[in-house]
């Protein structure tokens, strides 16, 4: 006969205690956050201003369409290159800023009052909108769109949310920012003296990281630095005829079969139709102009063709007063039809281009004819032009 000892009772399950994270690292202080925040705020301000330029050039309201200046010819290449370069630098700054303040994101208890709850809600909106802007902007320049929404209107709308959140945050934190604005501010002097050396090292490292990111990407628009263009998604010299191509003929549904028997239709008070040979026999003009795209790359090239103002005048239009609607052979696309204000259409540098760097356009660059105009986004430099309509 065997005896078994009774099993001891199992202890009741006790869930682990919920405790807030503990942050014991140094430099998670207001002085570090303020110093990095100044740079980050300036970067977001530059992105907002240059982004507005890009948005309203691509989608001008009716009251602005005929008032957009065509010059300087390099204007859009500069502003959009600055937009993308500053946006990439802002990624580094945003990561350092979040590192400096993240202990405050986990304060306990999470909500102490209604005012505290509203403040934390505003910070949540600020962080979410800022991260959304830099992340979607980064994916846009590499032309990867894993989301179901249209990039341009959503990115534009969230930019205003981020701007409002930043201004609200500055207003709420104004006393703390003032107390830690400089090394000699009252709040800064109250911090441990030994942290000052490490803080300077952190800020120098942050500036160095921004410099490296800028140096290895800005060459896609600032061509003197193209040798260092290691991390940018475009190189200004890579592509057919020495220029990058965003949208190929195959992607646009333009084939040699569709181009068979191509004619240019020009609609106006005196409409007419031109074959490619007839178009090529018109008085020729040339222009040195950049192609500048929203993804941040730009490169200058020599274009040859017919001045758009000559085509408008031949159709009975009034150069300097009439706008033009341009229609492409593209099967579909948001920019298949483009309208050009009177100032652009009348500019002597605006061409219906037939050649690029002395050679006939390749199919991917818009053969048989494309628009090239000063100070315009690349999406509005319409390729595979089929029809011009004087408005």
Protein backbone atom coordinates (compact mmCIF):
# COMPACT_ATOMS: atom_id res chain seq x y z
CA UNK A 1 0.00 0.00 0.00
CA UNK A 2 1.51 3.31 -1.13
CA UNK A 3 0.90 6.75 0.18
CA UNK A 4 1.21 9.93 -1.87
CA UNK A 5 1.85 13.25 -0.33
CA UNK A 6 -0.79 15.77 -1.29
CA UNK A 7 0.35 18.41 -3.80
CA UNK A 8 0.68 21.90 -2.39
CA UNK A 9 -2.00 24.26 -3.64
CA UNK A 10 -1.01 26.37 -6.65
CA UNK A 11 -0.65 30.03 -5.85
CA UNK A 12 -3.34 32.21 -7.33
CA UNK A 13 -2.30 34.00 -10.55
CA UNK A 14 -1.20 37.51 -9.93
CA UNK A 15 -0.85 39.81 -12.91
CA UNK A 16 2.35 41.81 -13.02
CA UNK A 17 2.11 45.21 -11.49
CA UNK A 18 1.65 47.98 -14.03
CA UNK A 19 4.40 50.49 -13.52
CA UNK A 20 5.42 53.43 -15.65
CA UNK A 21 8.77 53.16 -17.44
CA UNK A 22 11.69 54.56 -15.50
CA UNK A 23 14.05 56.91 -17.36
CA UNK A 24 17.34 57.56 -15.67
CA UNK A 25 19.34 58.74 -18.69
CA UNK A 26 20.74 62.25 -18.81
CA UNK A 27 19.98 65.10 -21.23
CA UNK A 28 16.26 64.35 -21.28
CA UNK A 29 15.85 67.93 -20.16
CA UNK A 30 14.20 71.14 -21.28
CA UNK A 31 17.45 72.74 -22.44
CA UNK A 32 18.25 69.89 -24.83
CA UNK A 33 14.66 69.80 -26.08
CA UNK A 34 14.64 73.57 -26.61
CA UNK A 35 17.95 73.64 -28.48
CA UNK A 36 16.93 70.86 -30.88
CA UNK A 37 13.39 72.22 -31.08
CA UNK A 38 14.65 75.54 -32.48
CA UNK A 39 16.32 73.76 -35.38
CA UNK A 40 13.33 71.50 -35.92
CA UNK A 41 10.89 74.42 -35.86
CA UNK A 42 12.98 76.26 -38.47
CA UNK A 43 13.07 73.15 -40.66
CA UNK A 44 9.30 72.72 -40.51
CA UNK A 45 8.82 76.43 -41.32
CA UNK A 46 11.00 76.11 -44.43
CA UNK A 47 9.14 72.95 -45.46
CA UNK A 48 5.79 74.69 -45.04
CA UNK A 49 6.74 77.74 -47.10
CA UNK A 50 8.39 75.78 -49.92
CA UNK A 51 5.57 73.23 -49.82
CA UNK A 52 3.04 76.02 -50.35
CA UNK A 53 5.01 77.17 -53.39
CA UNK A 54 4.89 73.67 -54.85
CA UNK A 55 1.23 73.13 -54.04
CA UNK A 56 -0.01 76.39 -55.53
CA UNK A 57 2.16 76.02 -58.64
CA UNK A 58 0.62 72.60 -59.26
CA UNK A 59 -2.93 73.48 -58.26
CA UNK A 60 -3.35 77.26 -58.43
CA UNK A 61 -6.71 78.73 -57.43
CA UNK A 62 -8.52 80.62 -60.18
CA UNK A 63 -7.53 84.05 -58.85
CA UNK A 64 -3.84 83.09 -58.88
CA UNK A 65 -3.53 81.08 -62.09
CA UNK A 66 -2.76 84.06 -64.36
CA UNK A 67 -0.57 85.81 -61.80
CA UNK A 68 2.05 83.15 -61.22
CA UNK A 69 5.47 84.46 -62.29
CA UNK A 70 7.45 82.46 -64.83
CA UNK A 71 10.77 83.82 -63.63
CA UNK A 72 13.26 83.10 -62.26
CA UNK A 73 13.54 80.06 -64.48
CA UNK A 74 15.31 78.14 -61.70
CA UNK A 75 12.75 79.16 -59.05
CA UNK A 76 10.93 75.86 -58.67
CA UNK A 77 14.12 73.81 -58.86
CA UNK A 78 15.46 75.83 -55.92
CA UNK A 79 12.35 75.83 -53.74
CA UNK A 80 11.52 72.16 -54.23
CA UNK A 81 15.13 71.08 -53.80
CA UNK A 82 15.20 73.07 -50.56
CA UNK A 83 11.88 71.50 -49.51
CA UNK A 84 13.13 67.94 -49.90
CA UNK A 85 16.61 68.62 -48.47
CA UNK A 86 15.13 70.31 -45.40
CA UNK A 87 12.55 67.55 -44.99
CA UNK A 88 15.28 64.91 -44.95
CA UNK A 89 17.25 66.93 -42.40
CA UNK A 90 14.08 67.22 -40.30
CA UNK A 91 13.97 63.42 -39.94
CA UNK A 92 17.26 63.50 -38.00
CA UNK A 93 16.13 66.46 -35.92
CA UNK A 94 12.75 64.91 -35.15
CA UNK A 95 14.36 61.67 -33.92
CA UNK A 96 16.71 63.58 -31.60
CA UNK A 97 13.87 65.77 -30.36
CA UNK A 98 11.72 62.73 -29.57
CA UNK A 99 14.66 61.12 -27.78
CA UNK A 100 15.06 64.23 -25.63
CA UNK A 101 11.40 64.43 -24.59
CA UNK A 102 10.18 60.84 -24.61
CA UNK A 103 10.32 60.42 -20.78
CA UNK A 104 7.63 63.09 -20.59
CA UNK A 105 5.44 61.03 -22.89
CA UNK A 106 5.26 58.37 -20.16
CA UNK A 107 4.57 60.44 -17.07
CA UNK A 108 2.46 58.79 -14.38
CA UNK A 109 -0.40 59.17 -13.84
CA UNK A 110 -1.02 59.79 -17.54
CA UNK A 111 -3.72 62.39 -16.85
CA UNK A 112 -3.79 64.64 -13.80
CA UNK A 113 -6.42 67.16 -14.78
CA UNK A 114 -8.54 68.34 -17.68
CA UNK A 115 -5.89 70.89 -18.61
CA UNK A 116 -3.19 68.22 -18.45
CA UNK A 117 -5.30 65.93 -20.61
CA UNK A 118 -5.72 68.65 -23.26
CA UNK A 119 -2.00 69.38 -23.19
CA UNK A 120 -1.13 65.71 -23.68
CA UNK A 121 -3.70 65.44 -26.47
CA UNK A 122 -2.08 68.39 -28.25
CA UNK A 123 1.34 66.76 -27.90
CA UNK A 124 -0.05 63.50 -29.32
CA UNK A 125 -1.42 65.37 -32.34
CA UNK A 126 1.89 67.19 -32.76
CA UNK A 127 3.99 64.02 -32.64
CA UNK A 128 1.62 62.07 -34.91
CA UNK A 129 1.35 64.80 -37.54
CA UNK A 130 5.10 65.51 -37.54
CA UNK A 131 5.99 61.83 -37.93
CA UNK A 132 3.31 61.45 -40.64
CA UNK A 133 4.69 64.39 -42.63
CA UNK A 134 8.33 63.29 -42.65
CA UNK A 135 7.47 59.62 -43.23
CA UNK A 136 5.07 60.20 -46.14
CA UNK A 137 7.41 62.80 -47.60
CA UNK A 138 10.29 60.33 -47.49
CA UNK A 139 8.24 57.61 -49.19
CA UNK A 140 7.03 60.09 -51.80
CA UNK A 141 10.54 60.95 -52.97
CA UNK A 142 11.19 57.25 -53.58
CA UNK A 143 7.74 56.97 -55.23
CA UNK A 144 6.45 54.24 -52.94
CA UNK A 145 2.82 54.68 -51.89
CA UNK A 146 1.73 51.84 -49.56
CA UNK A 147 -1.36 53.74 -48.39
CA UNK A 148 -4.87 53.87 -49.91
CA UNK A 149 -5.19 57.68 -49.98
CA UNK A 150 -3.92 60.30 -52.43
CA UNK A 151 -0.60 61.66 -51.21
CA UNK A 152 -0.80 65.31 -52.32
CA UNK A 153 -4.08 66.46 -50.65
CA UNK A 154 -3.49 64.46 -47.46
CA UNK A 155 0.13 65.59 -47.08
CA UNK A 156 -1.01 69.18 -47.66
CA UNK A 157 -3.86 68.94 -45.12
CA UNK A 158 -1.74 67.31 -42.40
CA UNK A 159 0.91 70.01 -42.93
CA UNK A 160 -1.60 72.53 -41.61
CA UNK A 161 -2.42 70.24 -38.67
CA UNK A 162 1.29 69.97 -37.87
CA UNK A 163 1.74 73.74 -38.18
CA UNK A 164 -1.17 74.46 -35.84
CA UNK A 165 0.11 71.87 -33.36
CA UNK A 166 3.59 73.40 -33.37
CA UNK A 167 2.24 76.91 -32.78
CA UNK A 168 -0.01 75.66 -29.97
CA UNK A 169 2.88 73.75 -28.41
CA UNK A 170 5.11 76.83 -28.53
CA UNK A 171 2.39 78.91 -26.90
CA UNK A 172 1.86 76.38 -24.10
CA UNK A 173 5.56 75.85 -23.49
CA UNK A 174 6.61 79.50 -23.96
CA UNK A 175 7.67 80.01 -20.30
CA UNK A 176 9.75 76.83 -20.29
CA UNK A 177 11.27 77.65 -23.69
CA UNK A 178 12.18 81.14 -22.48
CA UNK A 179 13.81 79.74 -19.33
CA UNK A 180 16.01 77.36 -21.37
CA UNK A 181 16.55 79.37 -24.57
CA UNK A 182 20.28 79.89 -24.11
CA UNK A 183 23.14 78.58 -22.01
CA UNK A 184 22.80 81.57 -19.70
CA UNK A 185 19.04 81.38 -19.23
CA UNK A 186 17.84 80.86 -15.67
CA UNK A 187 16.49 77.37 -16.27
CA UNK A 188 19.66 76.22 -18.05
CA UNK A 189 21.95 77.47 -15.30
CA UNK A 190 19.92 75.47 -12.78
CA UNK A 191 20.73 72.21 -14.57
CA UNK A 192 23.74 70.06 -13.56
CA UNK A 193 26.94 71.71 -14.80
CA UNK A 194 28.44 68.39 -15.88
CA UNK A 195 25.66 67.94 -18.44
CA UNK A 196 26.72 70.97 -20.47
CA UNK A 197 29.69 69.23 -22.13
CA UNK A 198 27.64 66.17 -23.06
CA UNK A 199 24.83 68.38 -24.37
CA UNK A 200 27.25 70.22 -26.65
CA UNK A 201 28.53 66.88 -27.91
CA UNK A 202 24.98 65.72 -28.62
CA UNK A 203 24.16 68.91 -30.52
CA UNK A 204 27.39 68.71 -32.51
CA UNK A 205 26.65 65.08 -33.39
CA UNK A 206 23.13 66.06 -34.45
CA UNK A 207 24.48 68.84 -36.66
CA UNK A 208 26.99 66.41 -38.14
CA UNK A 209 24.27 63.87 -38.91
CA UNK A 210 22.17 66.56 -40.60
CA UNK A 211 25.24 67.57 -42.62
CA UNK A 212 25.92 64.00 -43.75
CA UNK A 213 22.29 63.41 -44.76
CA UNK A 214 22.23 66.69 -46.68
CA UNK A 215 25.58 66.14 -48.39
CA UNK A 216 24.63 62.66 -49.57
CA UNK A 217 21.20 63.63 -50.93
CA UNK A 218 21.22 67.26 -52.08
CA UNK A 219 23.30 66.43 -55.16
CA UNK A 220 20.12 65.28 -56.91
CA UNK A 221 19.13 68.95 -57.20
CA UNK A 222 22.34 70.89 -56.48
CA UNK A 223 24.39 69.31 -59.22
CA UNK A 224 27.82 70.62 -58.11
CA UNK A 225 27.48 68.06 -55.29
CA UNK A 226 26.22 65.22 -57.49
CA UNK A 227 29.45 63.27 -56.84
CA UNK A 228 28.28 62.78 -53.24
CA UNK A 229 24.74 61.80 -54.25
CA UNK A 230 24.84 58.43 -52.47
CA UNK A 231 21.55 58.21 -50.56
CA UNK A 232 19.21 60.19 -52.83
CA UNK A 233 16.76 58.17 -54.95
CA UNK A 234 17.81 60.04 -58.13
CA UNK A 235 21.12 60.93 -59.74
CA UNK A 236 20.83 63.94 -62.08
CA UNK A 237 22.86 62.28 -64.85
CA UNK A 238 21.15 58.88 -64.88
CA UNK A 239 18.45 58.30 -67.47
CA UNK A 240 17.83 58.42 -71.22
CA UNK A 241 19.59 61.38 -72.85
CA UNK A 242 21.30 62.09 -69.53
CA UNK A 243 18.14 63.04 -67.61
CA UNK A 244 16.13 61.05 -65.06
CA UNK A 245 12.64 59.89 -65.98
CA UNK A 246 9.82 59.52 -63.47
CA UNK A 247 6.99 58.36 -65.74
CA UNK A 248 7.97 56.22 -68.68
CA UNK A 249 6.04 55.93 -71.92
CA UNK A 250 5.10 52.35 -71.01
CA UNK A 251 3.68 53.49 -67.67
CA UNK A 252 1.70 56.22 -69.43
CA UNK A 253 0.34 53.83 -72.07
CA UNK A 254 2.07 55.67 -74.93
CA UNK A 255 3.31 53.27 -77.62
CA UNK A 256 4.81 53.62 -81.08
CA UNK A 257 1.53 52.33 -82.50
CA UNK A 258 -0.43 55.11 -80.83
CA UNK A 259 2.03 57.66 -82.21
CA UNK A 260 1.64 56.46 -85.80
CA UNK A 261 0.31 59.33 -87.88
CA UNK A 262 0.74 61.79 -84.99
CA UNK A 263 -0.67 65.28 -85.52
CA UNK A 264 -0.65 68.33 -83.28
CA UNK A 265 -4.07 69.91 -83.00
CA UNK A 266 -4.12 73.58 -82.05
CA UNK A 267 -7.59 74.90 -81.15
CA UNK A 268 -8.44 78.59 -81.11
CA UNK A 269 -10.15 81.28 -83.21
CA UNK A 270 -8.14 80.00 -86.20
CA UNK A 271 -7.60 76.29 -85.47
CA UNK A 272 -5.07 74.26 -87.41
CA UNK A 273 -3.31 70.90 -87.42
CA UNK A 274 0.43 70.26 -87.86
CA UNK A 275 2.38 67.15 -88.73
CA UNK A 276 5.73 66.61 -87.08
CA UNK A 277 7.53 67.72 -90.26
CA UNK A 278 5.42 70.89 -90.47
CA UNK A 279 6.05 71.63 -86.80
CA UNK A 280 9.76 71.13 -87.30
CA UNK A 281 9.81 73.60 -90.22
CA UNK A 282 8.50 76.47 -88.05
CA UNK A 283 10.96 79.06 -86.67
CA UNK A 284 13.04 77.31 -84.04
CA UNK A 285 14.05 78.49 -80.58
CA UNK A 286 16.21 77.11 -77.82
CA UNK A 287 16.34 77.42 -74.04
CA UNK A 288 18.52 76.18 -71.22
CA UNK A 289 16.00 75.13 -68.57
CA UNK A 290 15.84 72.68 -65.66
CA UNK A 291 13.46 69.81 -65.24
CA UNK A 292 12.51 69.97 -61.56
CA UNK A 293 10.30 67.34 -59.96
CA UNK A 294 8.38 67.20 -56.70
CA UNK A 295 10.62 64.35 -55.55
CA UNK A 296 13.38 66.93 -55.18
CA UNK A 297 15.63 66.20 -58.15
CA UNK A 298 16.38 68.69 -60.88
CA UNK A 299 18.84 69.04 -63.73
CA UNK A 300 19.33 71.65 -66.43
CA UNK A 301 19.30 70.75 -70.13
CA UNK A 302 19.31 72.37 -73.57
CA UNK A 303 15.89 72.22 -75.21
CA UNK A 304 14.97 73.09 -78.77
CA UNK A 305 11.58 73.53 -80.38
CA UNK A 306 8.90 76.08 -81.20
CA UNK A 307 7.90 78.93 -78.92
CA UNK A 308 4.46 78.33 -77.49
CA UNK A 309 3.54 81.98 -78.04
CA UNK A 310 4.09 81.52 -81.80
CA UNK A 311 1.67 78.59 -81.86
CA UNK A 312 -0.88 80.61 -79.86
CA UNK A 313 -0.59 83.62 -82.16
CA UNK A 314 -0.98 81.48 -85.27
CA UNK A 315 -4.24 80.10 -83.82
CA UNK A 316 -5.58 83.62 -83.33
CA UNK A 317 -4.78 83.81 -79.63
CA UNK A 318 -3.49 86.87 -77.82
CA UNK A 319 0.03 86.33 -76.46
CA UNK A 320 0.29 87.62 -72.92
CA UNK A 321 -3.47 87.51 -72.38
CA UNK A 322 -4.67 84.00 -73.22
CA UNK A 323 -4.02 80.86 -71.22
CA UNK A 324 -3.51 77.44 -72.81
CA UNK A 325 -4.84 73.98 -72.08
CA UNK A 326 -2.44 71.16 -72.98
CA UNK A 327 -3.60 67.57 -73.51
CA UNK A 328 -1.26 64.58 -73.52
CA UNK A 329 -1.53 61.22 -75.24
CA UNK A 330 -1.32 59.58 -71.81
CA UNK A 331 -4.11 57.07 -71.28
CA UNK A 332 -4.79 58.35 -67.76
CA UNK A 333 -3.22 60.33 -64.99
CA UNK A 334 -3.84 63.36 -62.80
CA UNK A 335 -1.75 65.57 -65.09
CA UNK A 336 -2.89 64.27 -68.46
CA UNK A 337 -4.54 67.68 -69.03
CA UNK A 338 -2.66 70.77 -67.84
CA UNK A 339 -3.56 74.44 -67.96
CA UNK A 340 -0.88 77.10 -68.30
CA UNK A 341 -1.46 80.72 -67.32
CA UNK A 342 -0.92 83.56 -69.77
CA UNK A 343 2.39 84.66 -68.27
CA UNK A 344 3.92 81.22 -68.70
CA UNK A 345 2.44 80.73 -72.17
CA UNK A 346 3.81 84.07 -73.36
CA UNK A 347 7.32 83.66 -71.94
CA UNK A 348 9.89 83.34 -74.76
CA UNK A 349 11.54 80.45 -72.90
CA UNK A 350 8.35 78.36 -72.96
CA UNK A 351 8.67 75.85 -75.78
CA UNK A 352 6.89 72.98 -77.38
CA UNK A 353 10.16 71.07 -77.28
CA UNK A 354 11.24 68.66 -80.02
CA UNK A 355 14.89 68.11 -79.04
CA UNK A 356 16.85 67.54 -75.85
CA UNK A 357 20.57 68.32 -75.72
CA UNK A 358 20.62 68.52 -79.52
CA UNK A 359 18.93 65.15 -80.11
CA UNK A 360 15.30 64.31 -80.92
CA UNK A 361 13.31 63.48 -77.81
CA UNK A 362 13.26 59.83 -76.83
CA UNK A 363 9.88 58.25 -76.22
CA UNK A 364 10.36 58.35 -72.45
CA UNK A 365 11.14 62.07 -72.60
CA UNK A 366 7.97 62.87 -74.50
CA UNK A 367 8.53 62.22 -78.21
CA UNK A 368 7.33 63.67 -80.47
CA UNK A 369 6.73 66.93 -78.53
CA UNK A 370 6.56 68.09 -74.94
CA UNK A 371 6.17 71.28 -72.95
CA UNK A 372 9.16 72.89 -71.28
CA UNK A 373 8.65 76.16 -69.41
CA UNK A 374 10.61 78.16 -66.82
CA UNK A 375 9.81 77.82 -63.14
CA UNK A 376 7.35 74.92 -63.47
CA UNK A 377 7.05 71.58 -61.62
CA UNK A 378 8.06 68.61 -63.74
CA UNK A 379 4.55 67.15 -63.62
CA UNK A 380 3.35 70.22 -65.54
CA UNK A 381 6.01 69.91 -68.25
CA UNK A 382 3.57 67.77 -70.23
CA UNK A 383 4.97 64.99 -72.40
CA UNK A 384 3.50 63.40 -75.55
CA UNK A 385 1.53 66.56 -76.36
CA UNK A 386 -1.42 65.93 -78.67
CA UNK A 387 -3.52 69.08 -78.39
CA UNK A 388 -3.15 72.75 -77.50
CA UNK A 389 -6.24 74.83 -76.82
CA UNK A 390 -6.18 78.60 -76.53
CA UNK A 391 -8.49 79.56 -73.67
